[in-house]
Amino acid sequence: GTSFRLTSTNASFAPVPEDIYVRDASAQWALLPAPAANQYFIISLKDGRRLCNSGGVPTLAAFGTTNSSCQWWMNGPDSKGYYYIDNVSASQSIKATGTAPAISFGMINDPAPSAATQWRLIKPYQPVTIVTPLPPAVTIVYTSQTAALTWSGNGSFYNVYRSTSSGGDYTRIATNVAGTNYMDATLQNGTAYHYVVTSLNILGDESADSVQVTAYPASTAPVAMGVQTIYSGAQYGFQVSWPGDHIGWRLLMNTNGVSSPNWVPVPNSITTNQVWIPFDYGQNVFFELVYP
């Protein structure tokens, strides 16, 4: 004799009963196939949390949760179109007790067919739009042992991947990030780290990789360069070197004097700690090492 809607609200760790006229995202759910045959994950389209059975209490688990307590068998429909929502792993069904609006949810051992365990699935009159996730646009800032990534995108959540080889293979280092930034503070100075980020929509569909961004974390302590004349390839040149934990610094070169603004980056110097530069006799060459 009492009808209400199962909803998800950000203020509650458990589903909340609402009036049957509530029709926004909080009252809309998606069924996604679970690994077990004929079972589903029941996902809130408001925040992506998943309906689960926590020791006999219906709760809302974090986006992406996949254990058996969050897998449901939609038992039905019966002759009147109702379903029993069964957690097979615990042999229990979702049960509602009380009179609206004072409704509470629990689990009851199977079999327990009654009005308190009957549910109907209704197509939303104003359905939530499920976006196709697109690769986010990522920027990166780095310093000693740390890289900070920020991005913009259309995802509900994001995954962050990292590799020490440009182009992969990438390892996922952050899963289901709810914001649009990530700080990686586990880096080794002198090593290049390459990152991509993906977007996930509310159902967990994942986009393609973003454009790769790279960090060159390095010690920020002042350092002295070593410079010596080296004969190589039938030509003399300068061999300029600096410590390995300062890989990521850029070597600049100037032939017009230290006070001249015409400092030119030496190509690819950010990825090494040693470069050889050919020189012409009778020409002064000045070097400067800067970071980043």
Protein backbone atom coordinates (compact mmCIF):
# COMPACT_ATOMS: atom_id res chain seq x y z
CA GLY A 1 0.00 0.00 0.00
CA THR A 2 3.02 2.33 0.09
CA SER A 3 5.00 3.39 -2.99
CA PHE A 4 8.30 5.29 -3.00
CA ARG A 5 11.54 5.47 -4.99
CA LEU A 6 14.97 4.21 -4.13
CA THR A 7 17.44 7.12 -4.38
CA SER A 8 21.08 7.96 -3.85
CA THR A 9 22.10 11.20 -2.14
CA ASN A 10 25.61 12.48 -1.50
CA ALA A 11 24.83 12.95 2.18
CA SER A 12 24.10 9.27 2.86
CA PHE A 13 26.14 6.07 2.68
CA ALA A 14 22.90 4.12 2.19
CA PRO A 15 20.00 4.40 -0.28
CA VAL A 16 17.26 6.81 0.76
CA PRO A 17 13.47 6.56 0.15
CA GLU A 18 11.90 9.44 -1.75
CA ASP A 19 8.47 10.33 -3.08
CA ILE A 20 7.48 8.61 -6.33
CA TYR A 21 7.47 12.00 -8.04
CA VAL A 22 11.22 12.42 -7.59
CA ARG A 23 12.59 11.93 -11.10
CA ASP A 24 16.08 13.46 -11.14
CA ALA A 25 19.41 11.59 -11.31
CA SER A 26 19.17 10.54 -7.65
CA ALA A 27 16.24 8.26 -8.50
CA GLN A 28 17.75 6.83 -11.70
CA TRP A 29 19.84 3.66 -11.79
CA ALA A 30 21.66 1.65 -14.42
CA LEU A 31 22.02 -2.12 -14.59
CA LEU A 32 25.42 -3.29 -15.83
CA PRO A 33 26.21 -6.97 -16.35
CA ALA A 34 28.31 -8.43 -13.51
CA PRO A 35 30.85 -11.26 -13.97
CA ALA A 36 28.37 -13.80 -12.56
CA ALA A 37 25.81 -15.02 -15.08
CA ASN A 38 22.45 -13.21 -14.99
CA GLN A 39 23.63 -10.80 -12.28
CA TYR A 40 24.04 -7.03 -12.39
CA PHE A 41 25.69 -4.05 -10.76
CA ILE A 42 23.05 -1.46 -9.81
CA ILE A 43 24.66 1.95 -10.34
CA SER A 44 23.36 5.35 -9.25
CA LEU A 45 23.33 7.82 -12.13
CA LYS A 46 23.75 10.64 -9.62
CA ASP A 47 27.20 9.77 -8.32
CA GLY A 48 28.20 6.39 -9.75
CA ARG A 49 28.04 4.56 -6.42
CA ARG A 50 26.91 0.95 -6.41
CA LEU A 51 24.16 -0.70 -4.42
CA CYS A 52 25.69 -3.37 -2.15
CA ASN A 53 24.76 -5.70 0.69
CA SER A 54 26.96 -4.82 3.68
CA GLY A 55 26.36 -7.49 6.29
CA GLY A 56 22.61 -7.43 5.86
CA VAL A 57 22.32 -3.66 5.28
CA PRO A 58 21.85 -2.09 1.81
CA THR A 59 24.63 0.45 1.30
CA LEU A 60 26.20 2.49 -1.49
CA ALA A 61 29.77 1.51 -2.27
CA ALA A 62 32.35 3.56 -4.16
CA PHE A 63 32.31 3.92 -7.94
CA GLY A 64 33.91 0.88 -9.53
CA THR A 65 33.31 -1.59 -6.66
CA THR A 66 32.98 -5.10 -8.10
CA ASN A 67 32.81 -7.64 -5.26
CA SER A 68 30.03 -10.22 -4.94
CA SER A 69 28.15 -8.20 -2.31
CA CYS A 70 27.43 -5.65 -5.05
CA GLN A 71 26.12 -8.17 -7.59
CA TRP A 72 22.37 -8.62 -7.87
CA TRP A 73 19.93 -11.01 -9.50
CA MET A 74 16.81 -9.29 -10.78
CA ASN A 75 14.43 -12.09 -9.81
CA GLY A 76 11.30 -11.72 -11.92
CA PRO A 77 9.17 -10.23 -13.16
CA ASP A 78 6.26 -11.90 -11.43
CA SER A 79 2.71 -11.90 -12.84
CA LYS A 80 2.24 -8.26 -11.79
CA GLY A 81 5.55 -7.00 -13.16
CA TYR A 82 7.43 -6.86 -9.86
CA TYR A 83 11.03 -7.96 -9.24
CA TYR A 84 12.80 -9.26 -6.15
CA ILE A 85 16.30 -7.78 -5.93
CA ASP A 86 18.41 -10.64 -4.63
CA ASN A 87 22.03 -10.68 -3.48
CA VAL A 88 22.84 -14.27 -4.42
CA SER A 89 26.12 -14.43 -2.49
CA ALA A 90 24.22 -13.86 0.80
CA SER A 91 20.90 -15.45 -0.27
CA GLN A 92 19.10 -12.26 0.73
CA SER A 93 16.61 -9.82 -0.82
CA ILE A 94 16.25 -6.07 -0.33
CA LYS A 95 13.38 -5.28 2.02
CA ALA A 96 11.68 -2.00 2.87
CA THR A 97 9.70 -1.51 6.07
CA GLY A 98 7.67 1.34 7.53
CA THR A 99 5.26 3.87 6.09
CA ALA A 100 6.42 6.69 3.80
CA PRO A 101 8.25 8.88 4.48
CA ALA A 102 9.56 6.85 7.46
CA ILE A 103 10.93 3.99 5.36
CA SER A 104 13.98 1.93 6.30
CA PHE A 105 15.85 -0.58 4.16
CA GLY A 106 17.28 -3.94 5.14
CA MET A 107 17.97 -7.41 3.81
CA ILE A 108 15.87 -10.50 4.45
CA ASN A 109 16.83 -14.12 3.91
CA ASP A 110 15.43 -15.80 0.78
CA PRO A 111 12.84 -16.77 -0.08
CA ALA A 112 10.74 -13.88 1.19
CA PRO A 113 8.18 -12.78 -1.42
CA SER A 114 5.96 -10.02 -0.06
CA ALA A 115 4.99 -6.42 -0.82
CA ALA A 116 7.99 -5.35 1.28
CA THR A 117 10.42 -7.01 -1.15
CA GLN A 118 8.68 -6.16 -4.45
CA TRP A 119 10.25 -3.61 -6.81
CA ARG A 120 9.32 -2.26 -10.21
CA LEU A 121 11.68 -0.81 -12.82
CA ILE A 122 10.30 2.25 -14.61
CA LYS A 123 11.83 3.97 -17.63
CA PRO A 124 12.67 7.58 -16.61
CA TYR A 125 10.48 10.32 -18.01
CA GLN A 126 13.50 12.65 -18.00
CA PRO A 127 16.46 10.27 -18.44
CA VAL A 128 19.96 11.30 -17.42
CA THR A 129 22.27 11.79 -20.40
CA ILE A 130 25.17 9.33 -20.38
CA VAL A 131 28.11 11.05 -22.07
CA THR A 132 30.69 9.35 -24.24
CA PRO A 133 33.98 9.94 -22.36
CA LEU A 134 36.60 11.89 -24.31
CA PRO A 135 40.37 12.05 -23.71
CA PRO A 136 41.06 14.95 -21.32
CA ALA A 137 43.44 17.84 -22.02
CA VAL A 138 46.35 17.47 -19.58
CA THR A 139 49.06 19.86 -18.38
CA ILE A 140 51.98 19.09 -16.07
CA VAL A 141 54.29 20.97 -13.70
CA TYR A 142 57.22 19.24 -12.03
CA THR A 143 60.03 19.82 -9.57
CA SER A 144 62.26 17.71 -7.33
CA GLN A 145 60.71 14.22 -6.91
CA THR A 146 57.23 15.54 -7.74
CA ALA A 147 54.92 16.02 -10.72
CA ALA A 148 51.54 17.77 -10.60
CA LEU A 149 49.00 16.98 -13.30
CA THR A 150 45.86 18.98 -14.03
CA TRP A 151 43.31 18.38 -16.75
CA SER A 152 39.94 19.31 -18.17
CA GLY A 153 37.48 16.81 -19.59
CA ASN A 154 33.92 15.52 -19.61
CA GLY A 155 34.45 12.53 -17.30
CA SER A 156 32.77 11.77 -13.99
CA PHE A 157 36.03 10.14 -12.89
CA TYR A 158 39.56 9.79 -14.25
CA ASN A 159 42.43 7.28 -14.35
CA VAL A 160 46.10 8.30 -14.38
CA TYR A 161 48.78 6.17 -16.04
CA ARG A 162 52.59 6.47 -15.93
CA SER A 163 55.58 5.02 -17.77
CA THR A 164 59.34 5.58 -17.87
CA SER A 165 59.25 4.85 -21.61
CA SER A 166 57.77 7.42 -23.96
CA GLY A 167 54.61 5.98 -25.52
CA GLY A 168 54.14 3.25 -22.86
CA ASP A 169 53.75 0.63 -21.57
CA TYR A 170 51.77 2.62 -19.00
CA THR A 171 50.92 1.48 -15.48
CA ARG A 172 47.79 2.83 -13.79
CA ILE A 173 48.85 4.75 -10.68
CA ALA A 174 45.53 6.42 -9.77
CA THR A 175 42.05 4.97 -10.22
CA ASN A 176 38.65 6.69 -10.32
CA VAL A 177 39.95 10.15 -9.43
CA ALA A 178 36.95 12.37 -8.75
CA GLY A 179 38.73 15.71 -9.27
CA THR A 180 40.77 17.16 -12.13
CA ASN A 181 44.25 17.03 -10.64
CA TYR A 182 46.74 14.51 -9.32
CA MET A 183 50.04 14.88 -7.45
CA ASP A 184 52.70 12.21 -7.99
CA ALA A 185 55.27 12.59 -5.21
CA THR A 186 57.03 9.23 -5.61
CA LEU A 187 59.50 10.16 -8.35
CA GLN A 188 63.23 9.66 -8.64
CA ASN A 189 65.22 12.68 -9.70
CA GLY A 190 67.03 12.27 -12.99
CA THR A 191 64.38 9.97 -14.53
CA ALA A 192 61.84 11.02 -17.14
CA TYR A 193 58.22 10.08 -16.40
CA HIS A 194 55.51 10.00 -19.05
CA TYR A 195 51.81 10.29 -18.21
CA VAL A 196 48.43 9.87 -19.87
CA VAL A 197 44.98 10.40 -18.33
CA THR A 198 41.66 8.84 -19.34
CA SER A 199 38.07 9.91 -18.64
CA LEU A 200 35.34 7.62 -17.31
CA ASN A 201 31.63 8.30 -17.52
CA ILE A 202 29.18 7.46 -14.74
CA LEU A 203 28.96 3.84 -15.94
CA GLY A 204 32.73 3.35 -15.97
CA ASP A 205 33.21 3.46 -19.75
CA GLU A 206 36.79 4.66 -20.34
CA SER A 207 38.05 7.04 -23.03
CA ALA A 208 41.16 6.70 -25.13
CA ASP A 209 44.42 8.04 -23.67
CA SER A 210 45.09 11.75 -23.48
CA VAL A 211 48.08 13.23 -25.26
CA GLN A 212 51.18 12.19 -23.31
CA VAL A 213 52.82 14.71 -20.98
CA THR A 214 56.30 14.31 -19.51
CA ALA A 215 57.97 15.27 -16.25
CA TYR A 216 61.72 15.60 -15.72
CA PRO A 217 62.01 15.77 -11.91
CA ALA A 218 65.45 16.85 -10.76
CA SER A 219 67.25 18.19 -7.73
CA THR A 220 66.75 21.93 -7.46
CA ALA A 221 70.01 22.51 -5.60
CA PRO A 222 72.56 24.74 -7.40
CA VAL A 223 75.16 22.64 -9.18
CA ALA A 224 78.50 23.18 -10.89
CA MET A 225 79.07 22.08 -14.49
CA GLY A 226 82.12 20.34 -15.77
CA VAL A 227 83.51 21.65 -19.07
CA GLN A 228 86.43 20.20 -20.99
CA THR A 229 87.71 20.18 -24.54
CA ILE A 230 87.12 16.87 -26.32
CA TYR A 231 88.31 15.81 -29.76
CA SER A 232 85.54 13.83 -31.46
CA GLY A 233 84.78 13.02 -35.05
CA ALA A 234 87.81 14.91 -36.35
CA GLN A 235 86.64 18.07 -34.61
CA TYR A 236 87.23 19.71 -31.26
CA GLY A 237 84.31 20.60 -29.04
CA PHE A 238 83.17 21.24 -25.51
CA GLN A 239 82.10 18.30 -23.35
CA VAL A 240 79.67 19.78 -20.79
CA SER A 241 78.42 17.58 -17.94
CA TRP A 242 76.51 17.82 -14.64
CA PRO A 243 75.27 15.33 -11.98
CA GLY A 244 72.74 12.65 -12.93
CA ASP A 245 70.19 13.78 -10.35
CA HIS A 246 70.03 17.07 -12.28
CA ILE A 247 68.81 15.48 -15.52
CA GLY A 248 65.83 17.65 -16.42
CA TRP A 249 67.81 20.89 -16.32
CA ARG A 250 68.28 22.71 -19.65
CA LEU A 251 71.69 23.74 -20.93
CA LEU A 252 71.76 27.20 -22.51
CA MET A 253 74.54 28.54 -24.74
CA ASN A 254 75.54 32.10 -25.62
CA THR A 255 78.37 33.43 -27.80
CA ASN A 256 77.69 37.11 -27.09
CA GLY A 257 78.73 37.35 -23.44
CA VAL A 258 77.10 36.53 -20.11
CA SER A 259 75.17 39.81 -20.06
CA SER A 260 73.63 39.17 -23.47
CA PRO A 261 69.97 38.06 -23.57
CA ASN A 262 70.67 35.74 -26.48
CA TRP A 263 70.79 32.44 -24.57
CA VAL A 264 69.91 29.50 -26.82
CA PRO A 265 68.83 26.06 -25.51
CA VAL A 266 71.09 23.22 -26.52
CA PRO A 267 68.80 20.67 -28.25
CA ASN A 268 67.79 17.63 -26.18
CA SER A 269 69.86 18.71 -23.17
CA ILE A 270 66.83 18.26 -20.87
CA THR A 271 67.02 14.48 -21.27
CA THR A 272 70.71 14.01 -20.41
CA ASN A 273 73.51 15.22 -18.14
CA GLN A 274 76.24 15.34 -20.78
CA VAL A 275 76.45 17.01 -24.19
CA TRP A 276 79.22 17.56 -26.71
CA ILE A 277 79.17 20.84 -28.67
CA PRO A 278 81.54 21.55 -31.58
CA PHE A 279 83.21 24.98 -31.59
CA ASP A 280 85.03 27.34 -33.92
CA TYR A 281 88.46 28.59 -33.00
CA GLY A 282 88.63 32.14 -31.73
CA GLN A 283 85.01 32.20 -30.47
CA ASN A 284 83.99 32.55 -26.84
CA VAL A 285 81.19 30.30 -25.67
CA PHE A 286 79.27 30.72 -22.41
CA PHE A 287 77.05 28.09 -20.77
CA GLU A 288 74.24 28.24 -18.24
CA LEU A 289 72.24 25.42 -16.65
CA VAL A 290 68.64 26.24 -15.69
CA TYR A 291 65.65 24.35 -14.30
CA PRO A 292 63.16 23.37 -15.42
